[in-house]
Amino acid sequence: MRRAPRKARLVMDHIRGKSVADARALLAHTPRAAAVDISKLLESAVANAENNFELDPDDLRIHRATVDEGPTIKRFRPRALGRATPIHKRTSHMTITLTTTATDGAAAGDRKARK
């Protein structure tokens, strides 16, 4: 995604470990641009869990939520006296892993939906 990973991590840290309902409410009231992208990602992960693994969306919680750095797009901005300075447009790889609330930490690898 075309979002700086450092800025996206600020939002992702808030929803890690929360239930899906709590995360939806938190993202709806977060005034950061990354919250919109993460909200879409969360809805996609919930839909995958529901359709692919037949899990109840009300019983899901966020097990892992990571933001890794993607490829950097490099551009140049013209400056005075014929010089140019680099611009780094950073991108992100975002991952949300869901698990059911009934699963404890030992058996968390049983039924996960990942997007």
Protein backbone atom coordinates (compact mmCIF):
# COMPACT_ATOMS: atom_id res chain seq x y z
CA MET A 1 0.00 0.00 0.00
CA ARG A 2 1.17 3.50 -0.68
CA ARG A 3 1.39 4.46 2.98
CA ALA A 4 4.51 5.12 5.06
CA PRO A 5 5.08 2.12 7.36
CA ARG A 6 6.00 4.28 10.33
CA LYS A 7 2.66 6.08 10.18
CA ALA A 8 0.68 2.88 9.57
CA ARG A 9 2.31 1.17 12.57
CA LEU A 10 0.89 3.85 14.87
CA VAL A 11 -2.64 2.74 13.97
CA MET A 12 -1.86 -0.99 13.79
CA ASP A 13 -0.44 -0.95 17.33
CA HIS A 14 -3.82 0.21 18.67
CA ILE A 15 -5.84 -2.70 17.29
CA ARG A 16 -3.41 -5.57 17.96
CA GLY A 17 -4.96 -8.14 20.34
CA LYS A 18 -8.45 -6.61 20.31
CA SER A 19 -11.69 -8.20 19.20
CA VAL A 20 -12.92 -7.39 15.70
CA ALA A 21 -15.82 -5.31 17.03
CA ASP A 22 -13.50 -3.24 19.23
CA ALA A 23 -11.04 -2.77 16.38
CA ARG A 24 -13.80 -1.61 14.01
CA ALA A 25 -14.97 0.99 16.54
CA LEU A 26 -11.42 2.15 17.19
CA LEU A 27 -10.60 2.49 13.49
CA ALA A 28 -13.83 4.37 12.79
CA HIS A 29 -12.82 7.07 15.28
CA THR A 30 -9.09 7.25 14.50
CA PRO A 31 -8.26 10.50 12.68
CA ARG A 32 -5.33 9.09 10.68
CA ALA A 33 -5.33 8.30 6.97
CA ALA A 34 -3.88 4.84 7.58
CA ALA A 35 -7.01 3.91 9.57
CA VAL A 36 -9.06 3.76 6.36
CA ASP A 37 -6.62 1.33 4.71
CA ILE A 38 -6.37 -0.84 7.83
CA SER A 39 -10.15 -0.87 8.18
CA LYS A 40 -10.50 -2.21 4.61
CA LEU A 41 -7.83 -4.82 5.36
CA LEU A 42 -9.64 -5.90 8.53
CA GLU A 43 -12.96 -6.25 6.68
CA SER A 44 -11.26 -8.35 4.01
CA ALA A 45 -9.68 -10.62 6.65
CA VAL A 46 -13.05 -11.06 8.40
CA ALA A 47 -14.73 -11.91 5.08
CA ASN A 48 -12.00 -14.47 4.31
CA ALA A 49 -12.42 -16.06 7.74
CA GLU A 50 -16.16 -16.25 7.28
CA ASN A 51 -16.15 -17.63 3.72
CA ASN A 52 -13.04 -19.81 3.65
CA PHE A 53 -13.02 -21.21 7.20
CA GLU A 54 -16.72 -20.83 8.15
CA LEU A 55 -15.88 -18.91 11.32
CA ASP A 56 -18.33 -16.66 13.14
CA PRO A 57 -17.22 -13.00 12.73
CA ASP A 58 -18.40 -12.18 16.27
CA ASP A 59 -15.92 -14.67 17.77
CA LEU A 60 -12.84 -13.35 15.98
CA ARG A 61 -10.00 -11.34 17.46
CA ILE A 62 -6.81 -9.93 15.98
CA HIS A 63 -3.97 -12.34 16.69
CA ARG A 64 -1.19 -10.63 14.73
CA ALA A 65 -1.10 -7.24 13.05
CA THR A 66 2.12 -6.22 11.33
CA VAL A 67 3.29 -3.48 9.01
CA ASP A 68 6.48 -4.18 7.08
CA GLU A 69 8.29 -1.86 4.73
CA GLY A 70 7.67 -2.40 1.04
CA PRO A 71 9.64 -1.10 -1.93
CA THR A 72 10.54 2.59 -1.87
CA ILE A 73 9.70 4.70 -4.91
CA LYS A 74 12.49 7.20 -5.52
CA ARG A 75 11.81 10.61 -7.05
CA PHE A 76 13.75 13.88 -7.27
CA ARG A 77 12.63 17.41 -6.46
CA PRO A 78 14.32 20.23 -8.37
CA ARG A 79 16.07 22.76 -6.16
CA ALA A 80 18.00 25.98 -6.60
CA LEU A 81 21.09 26.32 -8.80
CA GLY A 82 20.31 23.22 -10.87
CA ARG A 83 20.48 20.81 -7.96
CA ALA A 84 18.00 18.11 -7.02
CA THR A 85 17.13 16.45 -3.72
CA PRO A 86 15.78 12.91 -3.37
CA ILE A 87 12.19 12.15 -2.36
CA HIS A 88 11.47 8.68 -0.94
CA LYS A 89 7.86 7.56 -1.34
CA ARG A 90 7.56 4.67 1.06
CA THR A 91 5.15 1.75 0.74
CA SER A 92 3.90 -0.82 3.24
CA HIS A 93 3.07 -4.50 3.44
CA MET A 94 0.25 -4.89 6.00
CA THR A 95 -0.79 -8.24 7.47
CA ILE A 96 -3.65 -9.04 9.85
CA THR A 97 -4.04 -12.56 11.24
CA LEU A 98 -7.30 -13.43 12.97
CA THR A 99 -8.07 -16.18 15.45
CA THR A 100 -11.18 -17.20 17.36
CA THR A 101 -11.66 -16.07 20.94
CA ALA A 102 -12.31 -19.68 21.98
CA THR A 103 -8.81 -20.71 20.94
CA ASP A 104 -6.16 -20.29 23.59
CA GLY A 105 -2.52 -19.43 22.92
CA ALA A 106 -1.40 -23.07 22.64
CA ALA A 107 -3.73 -23.99 19.78
CA ALA A 108 -3.79 -20.64 17.98
CA GLY A 109 -2.50 -22.19 14.76
CA ASP A 110 -5.63 -24.29 14.17
CA ARG A 111 -8.02 -21.99 12.32
CA LYS A 112 -6.55 -18.70 11.19
CA ALA A 113 -7.75 -16.38 8.47
CA ARG A 114 -5.02 -14.34 6.92
CA LYS A 115 -5.15 -11.47 4.49
